[in-house]
Amino acid sequence: RGGAGAVWCDRSATVAVTPSRRVAVVDVTGAGDAFAAGLLAAWLAGAAPRAALTRAGDLGARAVSLVGARPVA
């Protein structure tokens, strides 16, 4: 949903909605990958759906605020 935030729905009818972080968009390259990485890492570490979405959104926001697909190390 990009700037509209994210929604989590699962088989048990758990629904979580998180807003997006507002950042200046510089380059969208890699934003979806960063979002997915944040979501999966948090979820597999045991985070609740809302926390996993928040982490995903944080990484997606960071990705769009930088030029290119990877931050400078």
PDB file of N, CA and C in Angstrom:
ATOM      1  N   ARG A   1       0.801  -1.186   0.000  1.00  0.00           N
ATOM      2  CA  ARG A   1       0.000   0.000   0.000  1.00  0.00           C
ATOM      3  C   ARG A   1       0.850   1.259   0.000  1.00  0.00           C
ATOM      4  N   GLY A   2       2.171   1.086   0.009  1.00  0.00           N
ATOM      5  CA  GLY A   2       3.068   2.239  -0.076  1.00  0.00           C
ATOM      6  C   GLY A   2       2.823   3.265   1.015  1.00  0.00           C
ATOM      7  N   GLY A   3       2.572   4.487   0.600  1.00  0.00           N
ATOM      8  CA  GLY A   3       2.336   5.574   1.536  1.00  0.00           C
ATOM      9  C   GLY A   3       1.063   5.436   2.344  1.00  0.00           C
ATOM     10  N   ALA A   4       0.212   4.483   1.978  1.00  0.00           N
ATOM     11  CA  ALA A   4      -1.040   4.271   2.724  1.00  0.00           C
ATOM     12  C   ALA A   4      -0.853   3.320   3.902  1.00  0.00           C
ATOM     13  N   GLY A   5       0.367   2.819   4.112  1.00  0.00           N
ATOM     14  CA  GLY A   5       0.613   1.928   5.241  1.00  0.00           C
ATOM     15  C   GLY A   5       0.529   0.471   4.834  1.00  0.00           C
ATOM     16  N   ALA A   6       0.315  -0.395   5.822  1.00  0.00           N
ATOM     17  CA  ALA A   6       0.312  -1.838   5.560  1.00  0.00           C
ATOM     18  C   ALA A   6      -0.787  -2.528   6.356  1.00  0.00           C
ATOM     19  N   VAL A   7      -1.241  -3.657   5.827  1.00  0.00           N
ATOM     20  CA  VAL A   7      -2.295  -4.449   6.467  1.00  0.00           C
ATOM     21  C   VAL A   7      -1.820  -5.888   6.579  1.00  0.00           C
ATOM     22  N   TRP A   8      -2.064  -6.501   7.726  1.00  0.00           N
ATOM     23  CA  TRP A   8      -1.754  -7.925   7.961  1.00  0.00           C
ATOM     24  C   TRP A   8      -3.066  -8.654   8.148  1.00  0.00           C
ATOM     25  N   CYS A   9      -3.300  -9.688   7.393  1.00  0.00           N
ATOM     26  CA  CYS A   9      -4.466 -10.565   7.556  1.00  0.00           C
ATOM     27  C   CYS A   9      -3.960 -11.993   7.511  1.00  0.00           C
ATOM     28  N   ASP A  10      -4.456 -12.834   8.427  1.00  0.00           N
ATOM     29  CA  ASP A  10      -4.058 -14.233   8.379  1.00  0.00           C
ATOM     30  C   ASP A  10      -5.274 -15.136   8.535  1.00  0.00           C
ATOM     31  N   ARG A  11      -5.052 -16.426   8.506  1.00  0.00           N
ATOM     32  CA  ARG A  11      -6.142 -17.401   8.531  1.00  0.00           C
ATOM     33  C   ARG A  11      -6.984 -17.345   9.794  1.00  0.00           C
ATOM     34  N   SER A  12      -6.410 -16.884  10.873  1.00  0.00           N
ATOM     35  CA  SER A  12      -7.161 -16.819  12.130  1.00  0.00           C
ATOM     36  C   SER A  12      -7.960 -15.522  12.231  1.00  0.00           C
ATOM     37  N   ALA A  13      -8.022 -14.790  11.146  1.00  0.00           N
ATOM     38  CA  ALA A  13      -8.756 -13.524  11.066  1.00  0.00           C
ATOM     39  C   ALA A  13      -8.084 -12.414  11.868  1.00  0.00           C
ATOM     40  N   THR A  14      -6.798 -12.593  12.183  1.00  0.00           N
ATOM     41  CA  THR A  14      -6.050 -11.520  12.815  1.00  0.00           C
ATOM     42  C   THR A  14      -5.814 -10.433  11.772  1.00  0.00           C
ATOM     43  N   VAL A  15      -6.145  -9.226  12.125  1.00  0.00           N
ATOM     44  CA  VAL A  15      -5.933  -8.099  11.222  1.00  0.00           C
ATOM     45  C   VAL A  15      -5.161  -7.026  11.978  1.00  0.00           C
ATOM     46  N   ALA A  16      -4.110  -6.536  11.377  1.00  0.00           N
ATOM     47  CA  ALA A  16      -3.341  -5.434  11.940  1.00  0.00           C
ATOM     48  C   ALA A  16      -3.129  -4.416  10.832  1.00  0.00           C
ATOM     49  N   VAL A  17      -3.239  -3.169  11.179  1.00  0.00           N
ATOM     50  CA  VAL A  17      -3.043  -2.084  10.216  1.00  0.00           C
ATOM     51  C   VAL A  17      -2.031  -1.119  10.813  1.00  0.00           C
ATOM     52  N   THR A  18      -1.059  -0.730  10.021  1.00  0.00           N
ATOM     53  CA  THR A  18      -0.086   0.267  10.475  1.00  0.00           C
ATOM     54  C   THR A  18       0.010   1.385   9.447  1.00  0.00           C
ATOM     55  N   PRO A  19       0.178   2.607   9.918  1.00  0.00           N
ATOM     56  CA  PRO A  19       0.375   3.724   8.987  1.00  0.00           C
ATOM     57  C   PRO A  19       1.807   3.702   8.459  1.00  0.00           C
ATOM     58  N   SER A  20       2.041   4.409   7.386  1.00  0.00           N
ATOM     59  CA  SER A  20       3.407   4.505   6.872  1.00  0.00           C
ATOM     60  C   SER A  20       4.120   5.648   7.579  1.00  0.00           C
ATOM     61  N   ARG A  21       5.446   5.552   7.620  1.00  0.00           N
ATOM     62  CA  ARG A  21       6.246   6.675   8.125  1.00  0.00           C
ATOM     63  C   ARG A  21       6.363   7.694   7.008  1.00  0.00           C
ATOM     64  N   ARG A  22       6.230   8.927   7.335  1.00  0.00           N
ATOM     65  CA  ARG A  22       6.354   9.993   6.334  1.00  0.00           C
ATOM     66  C   ARG A  22       7.810  10.396   6.204  1.00  0.00           C
ATOM     67  N   VAL A  23       8.362  10.164   5.029  1.00  0.00           N
ATOM     68  CA  VAL A  23       9.745  10.534   4.729  1.00  0.00           C
ATOM     69  C   VAL A  23       9.786  11.143   3.335  1.00  0.00           C
ATOM     70  N   ALA A  24      10.837  11.894   3.075  1.00  0.00           N
ATOM     71  CA  ALA A  24      11.043  12.422   1.732  1.00  0.00           C
ATOM     72  C   ALA A  24      11.492  11.268   0.836  1.00  0.00           C
ATOM     73  N   VAL A  25      10.773  11.040  -0.247  1.00  0.00           N
ATOM     74  CA  VAL A  25      11.109   9.942  -1.162  1.00  0.00           C
ATOM     75  C   VAL A  25      12.178  10.410  -2.131  1.00  0.00           C
ATOM     76  N   VAL A  26      13.311   9.717  -2.104  1.00  0.00           N
ATOM     77  CA  VAL A  26      14.441  10.024  -2.979  1.00  0.00           C
ATOM     78  C   VAL A  26      14.503   9.022  -4.127  1.00  0.00           C
ATOM     79  N   ASP A  27      14.336   7.728  -3.795  1.00  0.00           N
ATOM     80  CA  ASP A  27      14.451   6.667  -4.795  1.00  0.00           C
ATOM     81  C   ASP A  27      13.718   5.437  -4.253  1.00  0.00           C
ATOM     82  N   VAL A  28      12.812   4.873  -5.020  1.00  0.00           N
ATOM     83  CA  VAL A  28      12.027   3.732  -4.531  1.00  0.00           C
ATOM     84  C   VAL A  28      12.698   2.378  -4.787  1.00  0.00           C
ATOM     85  N   THR A  29      13.878   2.395  -5.407  1.00  0.00           N
ATOM     86  CA  THR A  29      14.587   1.149  -5.687  1.00  0.00           C
ATOM     87  C   THR A  29      14.839   0.382  -4.394  1.00  0.00           C
ATOM     88  N   GLY A  30      14.395  -0.856  -4.344  1.00  0.00           N
ATOM     89  CA  GLY A  30      14.650  -1.713  -3.198  1.00  0.00           C
ATOM     90  C   GLY A  30      13.686  -1.568  -2.038  1.00  0.00           C
ATOM     91  N   ALA A  31      12.712  -0.674  -2.154  1.00  0.00           N
ATOM     92  CA  ALA A  31      11.800  -0.440  -1.033  1.00  0.00           C
ATOM     93  C   ALA A  31      10.978  -1.681  -0.691  1.00  0.00           C
ATOM     94  N   GLY A  32      10.480  -2.373  -1.692  1.00  0.00           N
ATOM     95  CA  GLY A  32       9.693  -3.575  -1.441  1.00  0.00           C
ATOM     96  C   GLY A  32      10.523  -4.686  -0.822  1.00  0.00           C
ATOM     97  N   ASP A  33      11.756  -4.820  -1.293  1.00  0.00           N
ATOM     98  CA  ASP A  33      12.652  -5.822  -0.726  1.00  0.00           C
ATOM     99  C   ASP A  33      12.976  -5.495   0.727  1.00  0.00           C
ATOM    100  N   ALA A  34      13.225  -4.222   1.021  1.00  0.00           N
ATOM    101  CA  ALA A  34      13.519  -3.814   2.396  1.00  0.00           C
ATOM    102  C   ALA A  34      12.307  -4.066   3.292  1.00  0.00           C
ATOM    103  N   PHE A  35      11.114  -3.750   2.791  1.00  0.00           N
ATOM    104  CA  PHE A  35       9.884  -3.998   3.550  1.00  0.00           C
ATOM    105  C   PHE A  35       9.746  -5.489   3.858  1.00  0.00           C
ATOM    106  N   ALA A  36       9.909  -6.328   2.833  1.00  0.00           N
ATOM    107  CA  ALA A  36       9.775  -7.777   3.017  1.00  0.00           C
ATOM    108  C   ALA A  36      10.817  -8.311   3.998  1.00  0.00           C
ATOM    109  N   ALA A  37      12.045  -7.825   3.904  1.00  0.00           N
ATOM    110  CA  ALA A  37      13.099  -8.269   4.816  1.00  0.00           C
ATOM    111  C   ALA A  37      12.764  -7.905   6.254  1.00  0.00           C
ATOM    112  N   GLY A  38      12.289  -6.691   6.465  1.00  0.00           N
ATOM    113  CA  GLY A  38      11.920  -6.273   7.817  1.00  0.00           C
ATOM    114  C   GLY A  38      10.761  -7.080   8.369  1.00  0.00           C
ATOM    115  N   LEU A  39       9.760  -7.318   7.529  1.00  0.00           N
ATOM    116  CA  LEU A  39       8.589  -8.092   7.952  1.00  0.00           C
ATOM    117  C   LEU A  39       8.993  -9.516   8.325  1.00  0.00           C
ATOM    118  N   LEU A  40       9.707 -10.183   7.440  1.00  0.00           N
ATOM    119  CA  LEU A  40      10.084 -11.576   7.686  1.00  0.00           C
ATOM    120  C   LEU A  40      11.017 -11.723   8.880  1.00  0.00           C
ATOM    121  N   ALA A  41      12.000 -10.845   8.998  1.00  0.00           N
ATOM    122  CA  ALA A  41      12.935 -10.936  10.122  1.00  0.00           C
ATOM    123  C   ALA A  41      12.203 -10.760  11.446  1.00  0.00           C
ATOM    124  N   ALA A  42      11.323  -9.773  11.520  1.00  0.00           N
ATOM    125  CA  ALA A  42      10.579  -9.531  12.765  1.00  0.00           C
ATOM    126  C   ALA A  42       9.618 -10.671  13.062  1.00  0.00           C
ATOM    127  N   TRP A  43       8.889 -11.109  12.056  1.00  0.00           N
ATOM    128  CA  TRP A  43       7.890 -12.172  12.241  1.00  0.00           C
ATOM    129  C   TRP A  43       8.560 -13.478  12.674  1.00  0.00           C
ATOM    130  N   LEU A  44       9.649 -13.845  12.000  1.00  0.00           N
ATOM    131  CA  LEU A  44      10.339 -15.086  12.341  1.00  0.00           C
ATOM    132  C   LEU A  44      11.011 -15.011  13.713  1.00  0.00           C
ATOM    133  N   ALA A  45      11.284 -13.806  14.194  1.00  0.00           N
ATOM    134  CA  ALA A  45      11.852 -13.625  15.535  1.00  0.00           C
ATOM    135  C   ALA A  45      10.765 -13.637  16.609  1.00  0.00           C
ATOM    136  N   GLY A  46       9.499 -13.766  16.179  1.00  0.00           N
ATOM    137  CA  GLY A  46       8.400 -13.870  17.140  1.00  0.00           C
ATOM    138  C   GLY A  46       7.603 -12.606  17.372  1.00  0.00           C
ATOM    139  N   ALA A  47       7.824 -11.586  16.570  1.00  0.00           N
ATOM    140  CA  ALA A  47       7.087 -10.328  16.739  1.00  0.00           C
ATOM    141  C   ALA A  47       5.611 -10.516  16.415  1.00  0.00           C
ATOM    142  N   ALA A  48       4.779  -9.775  17.088  1.00  0.00           N
ATOM    143  CA  ALA A  48       3.352  -9.744  16.791  1.00  0.00           C
ATOM    144  C   ALA A  48       3.150  -9.089  15.425  1.00  0.00           C
ATOM    145  N   PRO A  49       2.022  -9.352  14.776  1.00  0.00           N
ATOM    146  CA  PRO A  49       1.800  -8.782  13.443  1.00  0.00           C
ATOM    147  C   PRO A  49       2.009  -7.271  13.364  1.00  0.00           C
ATOM    148  N   ARG A  50       1.465  -6.520  14.289  1.00  0.00           N
ATOM    149  CA  ARG A  50       1.607  -5.057  14.229  1.00  0.00           C
ATOM    150  C   ARG A  50       3.081  -4.648  14.349  1.00  0.00           C
ATOM    151  N   ALA A  51       3.829  -5.296  15.229  1.00  0.00           N
ATOM    152  CA  ALA A  51       5.253  -4.985  15.393  1.00  0.00           C
ATOM    153  C   ALA A  51       6.042  -5.359  14.137  1.00  0.00           C
ATOM    154  N   ALA A  52       5.696  -6.491  13.524  1.00  0.00           N
ATOM    155  CA  ALA A  52       6.376  -6.897  12.292  1.00  0.00           C
ATOM    156  C   ALA A  52       6.104  -5.895  11.175  1.00  0.00           C
ATOM    157  N   LEU A  53       4.862  -5.428  11.071  1.00  0.00           N
ATOM    158  CA  LEU A  53       4.535  -4.426  10.050  1.00  0.00           C
ATOM    159  C   LEU A  53       5.253  -3.111  10.311  1.00  0.00           C
ATOM    160  N   THR A  54       5.351  -2.736  11.572  1.00  0.00           N
ATOM    161  CA  THR A  54       6.051  -1.492  11.916  1.00  0.00           C
ATOM    162  C   THR A  54       7.515  -1.581  11.518  1.00  0.00           C
ATOM    163  N   ARG A  55       8.161  -2.706  11.820  1.00  0.00           N
ATOM    164  CA  ARG A  55       9.565  -2.890  11.437  1.00  0.00           C
ATOM    165  C   ARG A  55       9.714  -2.854   9.921  1.00  0.00           C
ATOM    166  N   ALA A  56       8.810  -3.520   9.232  1.00  0.00           N
ATOM    167  CA  ALA A  56       8.834  -3.521   7.769  1.00  0.00           C
ATOM    168  C   ALA A  56       8.700  -2.104   7.217  1.00  0.00           C
ATOM    169  N   GLY A  57       7.769  -1.355   7.764  1.00  0.00           N
ATOM    170  CA  GLY A  57       7.568   0.023   7.317  1.00  0.00           C
ATOM    171  C   GLY A  57       8.773   0.901   7.589  1.00  0.00           C
ATOM    172  N   ASP A  58       9.420   0.684   8.737  1.00  0.00           N
ATOM    173  CA  ASP A  58      10.625   1.454   9.056  1.00  0.00           C
ATOM    174  C   ASP A  58      11.721   1.216   8.028  1.00  0.00           C
ATOM    175  N   LEU A  59      11.927  -0.060   7.657  1.00  0.00           N
ATOM    176  CA  LEU A  59      12.975  -0.362   6.681  1.00  0.00           C
ATOM    177  C   LEU A  59      12.600   0.115   5.283  1.00  0.00           C
ATOM    178  N   GLY A  60      11.329   0.000   4.922  1.00  0.00           N
ATOM    179  CA  GLY A  60      10.883   0.516   3.633  1.00  0.00           C
ATOM    180  C   GLY A  60      11.067   2.026   3.543  1.00  0.00           C
ATOM    181  N   ALA A  61      10.748   2.715   4.630  1.00  0.00           N
ATOM    182  CA  ALA A  61      10.917   4.175   4.665  1.00  0.00           C
ATOM    183  C   ALA A  61      12.392   4.553   4.547  1.00  0.00           C
ATOM    184  N   ARG A  62      13.237   3.801   5.216  1.00  0.00           N
ATOM    185  CA  ARG A  62      14.677   4.072   5.113  1.00  0.00           C
ATOM    186  C   ARG A  62      15.151   3.864   3.676  1.00  0.00           C
ATOM    187  N   ALA A  63      14.648   2.809   3.050  1.00  0.00           N
ATOM    188  CA  ALA A  63      15.084   2.517   1.673  1.00  0.00           C
ATOM    189  C   ALA A  63      14.709   3.645   0.717  1.00  0.00           C
ATOM    190  N   VAL A  64      13.502   4.189   0.813  1.00  0.00           N
ATOM    191  CA  VAL A  64      13.093   5.236  -0.128  1.00  0.00           C
ATOM    192  C   VAL A  64      13.764   6.573   0.149  1.00  0.00           C
ATOM    193  N   SER A  65      14.383   6.711   1.325  1.00  0.00           N
ATOM    194  CA  SER A  65      15.020   7.989   1.650  1.00  0.00           C
ATOM    195  C   SER A  65      16.472   8.053   1.170  1.00  0.00           C
ATOM    196  N   LEU A  66      16.946   6.963   0.544  1.00  0.00           N
ATOM    197  CA  LEU A  66      18.325   6.889   0.049  1.00  0.00           C
ATOM    198  C   LEU A  66      18.345   6.609  -1.453  1.00  0.00           C
ATOM    199  N   VAL A  67      19.416   6.976  -2.105  1.00  0.00           N
ATOM    200  CA  VAL A  67      19.579   6.665  -3.526  1.00  0.00           C
ATOM    201  C   VAL A  67      20.140   5.255  -3.649  1.00  0.00           C
ATOM    202  N   GLY A  68      19.520   4.446  -4.493  1.00  0.00           N
ATOM    203  CA  GLY A  68      20.015   3.099  -4.767  1.00  0.00           C
ATOM    204  C   GLY A  68      19.353   2.045  -3.908  1.00  0.00           C
ATOM    205  N   ALA A  69      19.696   0.812  -4.199  1.00  0.00           N
ATOM    206  CA  ALA A  69      19.065  -0.319  -3.540  1.00  0.00           C
ATOM    207  C   ALA A  69      19.694  -0.675  -2.201  1.00  0.00           C
ATOM    208  N   ARG A  70      20.880  -0.179  -1.920  1.00  0.00           N
ATOM    209  CA  ARG A  70      21.555  -0.517  -0.659  1.00  0.00           C
ATOM    210  C   ARG A  70      22.152   0.726  -0.030  1.00  0.00           C
ATOM    211  N   PRO A  71      22.006   0.843   1.296  1.00  0.00           N
ATOM    212  CA  PRO A  71      22.650   1.998   1.950  1.00  0.00           C
ATOM    213  C   PRO A  71      24.164   1.859   1.923  1.00  0.00           C
ATOM    214  N   VAL A  72      24.857   2.963   1.997  1.00  0.00           N
ATOM    215  CA  VAL A  72      26.307   2.953   2.046  1.00  0.00           C
ATOM    216  C   VAL A  72      26.723   2.374   3.395  1.00  0.00           C
ATOM    217  N   ALA A  73      27.657   1.454   3.386  1.00  0.00           N
ATOM    218  CA  ALA A  73      28.102   0.795   4.639  1.00  0.00           C
ATOM    219  C   ALA A  73      28.978   1.690   5.448  1.00  0.00           C
TER     220      ALA A  73
END
